[in-house]
Amino acid sequence: MNKLLAALLGLALSGCAGTSGAGTLADLAVVDRTTGQRLPTYYHQGRYWVAGTPGNRYAVSIGNKSGQRVMTVISVDGVNVVTGETAAAGQDGYVLESGMHYEITGWRKSTEEVAAFVFTALPDSYAARTGRPDNVGVIGVAVFREWVPPRPAMAPPMGAQPRPYSHADALSSERASAGEVAKTQREERLGTGHGERESSQVSYTTFRRASDRPSELMSIYYDSYANLVARGVIRTAFPVAPSPNPFPAGMRFVPDPRG
């Protein structure tokens, strides 16, 4: 049965139109807020990757490409960014109007504030500090279409008045939720920290999913630049320095004496 969820509607618009992790309904990108640059993506063995810089703040940029509202459930390191729960697609998220782009800049603390997303060492990540380190290093988005009431197949009988659909009808029968490097120089894995509080205004709205299953799933993996080089995700333009040779002069024999 479809759920009617009180989701969060992002009010702040972003000019960043993410093209990495492009889907049919939405786009997904990662923006380094410290530098102001969208991080380039690298495709490797069926996954998209970005290289984060330790200590830098970042944002998850979502763009709604569809012609209707969509609900986006956002997961960072296996944690729902709105509720703090271990992430599942059926949880609360952000509702985006058609054509809207929105930057999620942190862990939602209230309708007024977030704790900034910060690239940090895995032990300092929010997921690890709350006992959930197993899925550190991935950002996921589950996209849901909105349910549209079907049109009646025929006109009602003479004298009868059609009963219009309203959110109040749905609320009476559905549960409402109030959610809101070189290969030898690998660094410690990156995670996402629980940074400083920042202002981030959102408001509640109602949203009924067209299906319990997401219409689209997207993900971007991340780690430090050095680690992505070590993994083979990023191929550097410079040759890897050769290993030291204990006999650099090679094989030689005793030469004849001169004269």
Protein backbone atom coordinates (compact mmCIF):
# COMPACT_ATOMS: atom_id res chain seq x y z
CA MET A 1 0.00 0.00 0.00
CA ASN A 2 1.30 3.43 -0.89
CA LYS A 3 2.18 5.69 1.97
CA LEU A 4 1.36 9.32 2.38
CA LEU A 5 4.47 10.91 3.86
CA ALA A 6 5.05 14.38 5.17
CA ALA A 7 8.25 15.09 3.28
CA LEU A 8 10.56 18.08 3.29
CA LEU A 9 10.34 20.61 0.51
CA GLY A 10 13.62 22.41 -0.14
CA LEU A 11 13.05 26.13 -0.59
CA ALA A 12 16.55 27.24 -1.59
CA LEU A 13 17.33 26.89 -5.29
CA SER A 14 20.76 26.12 -6.70
CA GLY A 15 22.18 27.06 -10.06
CA CYS A 16 24.25 23.89 -10.24
CA ALA A 17 22.75 21.50 -12.79
CA GLY A 18 24.40 18.22 -11.98
CA THR A 19 25.12 15.94 -14.91
CA SER A 20 27.16 13.29 -13.15
CA GLY A 21 25.03 10.34 -12.20
CA ALA A 22 22.38 11.45 -14.68
CA GLY A 23 19.13 9.51 -14.57
CA THR A 24 15.78 9.65 -16.33
CA LEU A 25 14.00 11.51 -13.53
CA ALA A 26 16.83 13.27 -11.71
CA ASP A 27 20.48 14.29 -11.83
CA LEU A 28 22.95 13.69 -9.01
CA ALA A 29 26.22 15.56 -8.44
CA VAL A 30 28.61 16.41 -5.60
CA VAL A 31 29.71 20.03 -5.10
CA ASP A 32 32.80 21.01 -3.10
CA ARG A 33 31.48 24.00 -1.17
CA THR A 34 34.96 25.05 -0.04
CA THR A 35 36.17 25.57 -3.61
CA GLY A 36 32.75 26.15 -5.21
CA GLN A 37 33.45 23.51 -7.85
CA ARG A 38 31.38 20.53 -8.88
CA LEU A 39 33.53 17.45 -8.46
CA PRO A 40 34.32 15.57 -11.68
CA THR A 41 33.14 11.98 -11.80
CA TYR A 42 35.17 8.93 -12.78
CA TYR A 43 33.49 5.78 -14.06
CA HIS A 44 35.19 2.57 -12.99
CA GLN A 45 33.90 -1.00 -12.95
CA GLY A 46 30.24 -0.02 -13.03
CA ARG A 47 30.42 2.77 -10.45
CA TYR A 48 30.68 6.56 -10.46
CA TRP A 49 33.36 8.02 -8.19
CA VAL A 50 34.38 11.50 -6.99
CA ALA A 51 37.56 12.54 -5.17
CA GLY A 52 36.95 14.49 -1.97
CA THR A 53 39.42 16.71 -0.13
CA PRO A 54 39.70 16.07 3.61
CA GLY A 55 38.37 19.02 5.60
CA ASN A 56 36.30 20.48 2.77
CA ARG A 57 32.55 20.98 3.07
CA TYR A 58 30.39 19.54 0.31
CA ALA A 59 26.80 19.36 -0.92
CA VAL A 60 24.70 16.72 -2.66
CA SER A 61 23.09 18.43 -5.66
CA ILE A 62 19.80 16.99 -6.95
CA GLY A 63 17.95 18.13 -10.06
CA ASN A 64 14.39 17.13 -10.93
CA LYS A 65 14.28 16.48 -14.69
CA SER A 66 10.71 15.19 -14.75
CA GLY A 67 7.50 17.05 -15.50
CA GLN A 68 6.03 16.49 -12.04
CA ARG A 69 7.03 16.57 -8.39
CA VAL A 70 9.34 13.82 -7.17
CA MET A 71 10.42 12.68 -3.73
CA THR A 72 14.14 12.04 -3.21
CA VAL A 73 15.32 9.95 -0.26
CA ILE A 74 18.99 10.79 0.31
CA SER A 75 21.53 8.47 1.93
CA VAL A 76 25.10 9.37 2.91
CA ASP A 77 27.31 6.57 4.24
CA GLY A 78 24.21 4.41 4.64
CA VAL A 79 22.44 7.00 6.83
CA ASN A 80 19.27 8.94 5.94
CA VAL A 81 20.29 12.62 5.87
CA VAL A 82 16.88 13.80 7.12
CA THR A 83 16.09 11.38 9.96
CA GLY A 84 19.51 9.95 10.89
CA GLU A 85 18.14 6.40 10.59
CA THR A 86 20.02 3.59 8.88
CA ALA A 87 18.85 4.34 5.36
CA ALA A 88 15.94 2.61 3.63
CA ALA A 89 14.18 3.78 0.49
CA GLY A 90 10.78 3.98 2.22
CA GLN A 91 11.87 6.73 4.62
CA ASP A 92 11.38 10.50 4.50
CA GLY A 93 13.20 12.79 2.10
CA TYR A 94 13.04 15.97 0.04
CA VAL A 95 10.27 16.84 -2.42
CA LEU A 96 11.37 18.75 -5.52
CA GLU A 97 9.10 20.60 -7.92
CA SER A 98 9.46 19.98 -11.64
CA GLY A 99 12.69 21.53 -12.96
CA MET A 100 14.00 22.32 -9.47
CA HIS A 101 17.65 21.99 -8.43
CA TYR A 102 18.49 21.81 -4.75
CA GLU A 103 21.72 21.41 -2.80
CA ILE A 104 21.54 19.32 0.37
CA THR A 105 24.38 20.75 2.46
CA GLY A 106 24.22 18.69 5.63
CA TRP A 107 22.51 16.42 8.12
CA ARG A 108 19.02 17.82 8.81
CA LYS A 109 18.76 19.00 12.42
CA SER A 110 15.46 20.93 12.14
CA THR A 111 13.49 22.84 9.53
CA GLU A 112 15.93 25.70 10.18
CA GLU A 113 19.39 24.09 10.40
CA VAL A 114 21.71 21.36 9.14
CA ALA A 115 25.09 20.07 10.36
CA ALA A 116 27.39 20.53 7.38
CA PHE A 117 28.67 17.61 5.31
CA VAL A 118 32.48 17.57 5.67
CA PHE A 119 34.95 15.14 4.11
CA THR A 120 36.82 13.56 6.99
CA ALA A 121 38.73 10.43 7.97
CA LEU A 122 36.50 7.38 8.32
CA PRO A 123 36.74 7.11 12.15
CA ASP A 124 35.51 10.73 12.44
CA SER A 125 32.54 10.21 10.12
CA TYR A 126 29.01 10.54 11.50
CA ALA A 127 28.22 6.95 10.51
CA ALA A 128 31.28 5.56 12.31
CA ARG A 129 30.68 7.71 15.39
CA THR A 130 27.13 6.32 15.61
CA GLY A 131 28.30 2.70 15.27
CA ARG A 132 27.58 2.24 11.54
CA PRO A 133 30.90 2.30 9.64
CA ASP A 134 30.18 -0.48 7.14
CA ASN A 135 28.73 1.71 4.36
CA VAL A 136 30.97 4.76 4.61
CA GLY A 137 31.97 6.15 1.20
CA VAL A 138 28.76 6.21 -0.84
CA ILE A 139 25.96 8.70 -1.55
CA GLY A 140 22.62 7.29 -2.70
CA VAL A 141 19.34 8.73 -3.95
CA ALA A 142 16.00 6.91 -4.29
CA VAL A 143 13.59 8.82 -6.53
CA PHE A 144 9.81 8.35 -6.29
CA ARG A 145 7.14 9.59 -8.70
CA GLU A 146 4.04 11.16 -7.21
CA TRP A 147 0.75 9.28 -7.24
CA VAL A 148 -1.82 10.79 -9.60
CA PRO A 149 -5.51 9.96 -9.07
CA PRO A 150 -6.92 8.06 -12.08
CA ARG A 151 -9.60 9.74 -14.13
CA PRO A 152 -13.07 8.18 -13.82
CA ALA A 153 -13.93 5.73 -16.59
CA MET A 154 -17.47 7.09 -16.96
CA ALA A 155 -19.65 9.91 -15.75
CA PRO A 156 -21.41 9.37 -12.39
CA PRO A 157 -25.11 8.53 -12.40
CA MET A 158 -27.60 11.38 -12.82
CA GLY A 159 -28.02 13.28 -9.56
CA ALA A 160 -24.87 11.93 -7.92
CA GLN A 161 -22.03 14.31 -7.20
CA PRO A 162 -18.43 13.09 -7.64
CA ARG A 163 -16.36 13.21 -4.47
CA PRO A 164 -13.08 14.99 -5.24
CA TYR A 165 -9.79 13.58 -4.02
CA SER A 166 -8.15 15.54 -1.24
CA HIS A 167 -5.17 15.06 1.02
CA ALA A 168 -7.60 14.89 3.93
CA ASP A 169 -9.12 11.74 2.40
CA ALA A 170 -5.70 10.18 2.09
CA LEU A 171 -4.74 11.12 5.60
CA SER A 172 -7.81 9.40 6.98
CA SER A 173 -6.75 6.07 5.51
CA GLU A 174 -2.95 6.29 5.33
CA ARG A 175 -0.31 6.84 8.00
CA ALA A 176 1.35 10.27 7.92
CA SER A 177 4.98 10.55 8.98
CA ALA A 178 6.56 13.80 10.20
CA GLY A 179 9.97 13.12 8.81
CA GLU A 180 11.92 15.23 7.79
CA VAL A 181 48.80 8.67 -5.16
CA ALA A 182 50.72 6.09 -5.95
CA LYS A 183 49.66 2.49 -5.40
CA THR A 184 51.86 2.18 -2.32
CA GLN A 185 50.63 5.43 -0.72
CA ARG A 186 47.00 4.74 0.07
CA GLU A 187 45.50 7.11 2.66
CA GLU A 188 42.85 6.43 5.26
CA ARG A 189 39.40 6.18 3.66
CA LEU A 190 37.18 9.24 3.58
CA GLY A 191 33.83 9.55 5.30
CA THR A 192 31.34 12.35 5.94
CA GLY A 193 31.59 14.22 9.21
CA HIS A 194 28.95 16.01 11.30
CA GLY A 195 30.12 19.59 10.77
CA GLU A 196 29.14 22.99 12.10
CA ARG A 197 25.50 24.06 12.24
CA GLU A 198 24.32 26.13 9.29
CA SER A 199 21.08 27.84 8.36
CA SER A 200 18.98 25.82 5.91
CA GLN A 201 15.28 26.61 5.58
CA VAL A 202 12.76 23.95 4.54
CA SER A 203 9.05 23.35 5.14
CA TYR A 204 6.74 20.35 5.31
CA THR A 205 4.57 19.18 2.45
CA THR A 206 2.49 16.09 1.73
CA PHE A 207 3.49 13.56 -0.90
CA ARG A 208 1.94 10.25 -1.90
CA ARG A 209 4.25 7.85 -3.70
CA ALA A 210 3.09 6.24 -6.92
CA SER A 211 4.74 3.00 -5.77
CA ASP A 212 6.47 1.56 -2.73
CA ARG A 213 9.44 0.83 -4.98
CA PRO A 214 11.66 3.71 -6.18
CA SER A 215 11.24 4.73 -9.79
CA GLU A 216 14.99 5.33 -9.95
CA LEU A 217 18.08 4.62 -7.83
CA MET A 218 21.37 6.51 -8.22
CA SER A 219 24.65 6.40 -6.33
CA ILE A 220 28.05 8.07 -6.31
CA TYR A 221 31.01 6.62 -4.41
CA TYR A 222 33.76 8.80 -2.98
CA ASP A 223 37.23 8.67 -1.46
CA SER A 224 40.40 10.76 -1.44
CA TYR A 225 42.28 11.44 -4.67
CA ALA A 226 45.24 9.34 -3.52
CA ASN A 227 42.99 6.39 -2.73
CA LEU A 228 41.22 6.60 -6.07
CA VAL A 229 44.59 6.53 -7.80
CA ALA A 230 45.56 3.52 -5.68
CA ARG A 231 42.30 1.77 -6.60
CA GLY A 232 42.90 2.40 -10.29
CA VAL A 233 39.79 4.62 -10.53
CA ILE A 234 41.90 7.63 -11.55
CA ARG A 235 44.70 7.12 -14.03
CA THR A 236 47.35 9.78 -13.57
CA ALA A 237 49.13 11.46 -16.47
CA PHE A 238 52.49 10.89 -14.79
CA PRO A 239 54.27 7.52 -14.77
CA VAL A 240 54.61 5.77 -11.45
CA ALA A 241 58.18 6.08 -10.15
CA PRO A 242 60.13 2.84 -10.63
CA SER A 243 61.01 0.73 -7.63
CA PRO A 244 64.59 1.07 -6.28
CA ASN A 245 67.11 -1.29 -7.92
CA PRO A 246 69.75 -2.82 -5.63
CA PHE A 247 72.15 -3.29 -8.61
CA PRO A 248 71.57 -0.24 -10.81
CA ALA A 249 74.63 -0.76 -13.06
CA GLY A 250 73.37 -4.09 -14.35
CA MET A 251 75.49 -7.17 -15.21
CA ARG A 252 79.19 -6.47 -15.86
CA PHE A 253 82.41 -8.51 -16.22
CA VAL A 254 86.02 -7.69 -15.42
CA PRO A 255 87.43 -5.58 -18.26
CA ASP A 256 90.87 -6.17 -19.81
CA PRO A 257 93.67 -3.93 -18.54
CA ARG A 258 94.70 -1.02 -20.74
CA GLY A 259 98.01 -0.91 -22.56
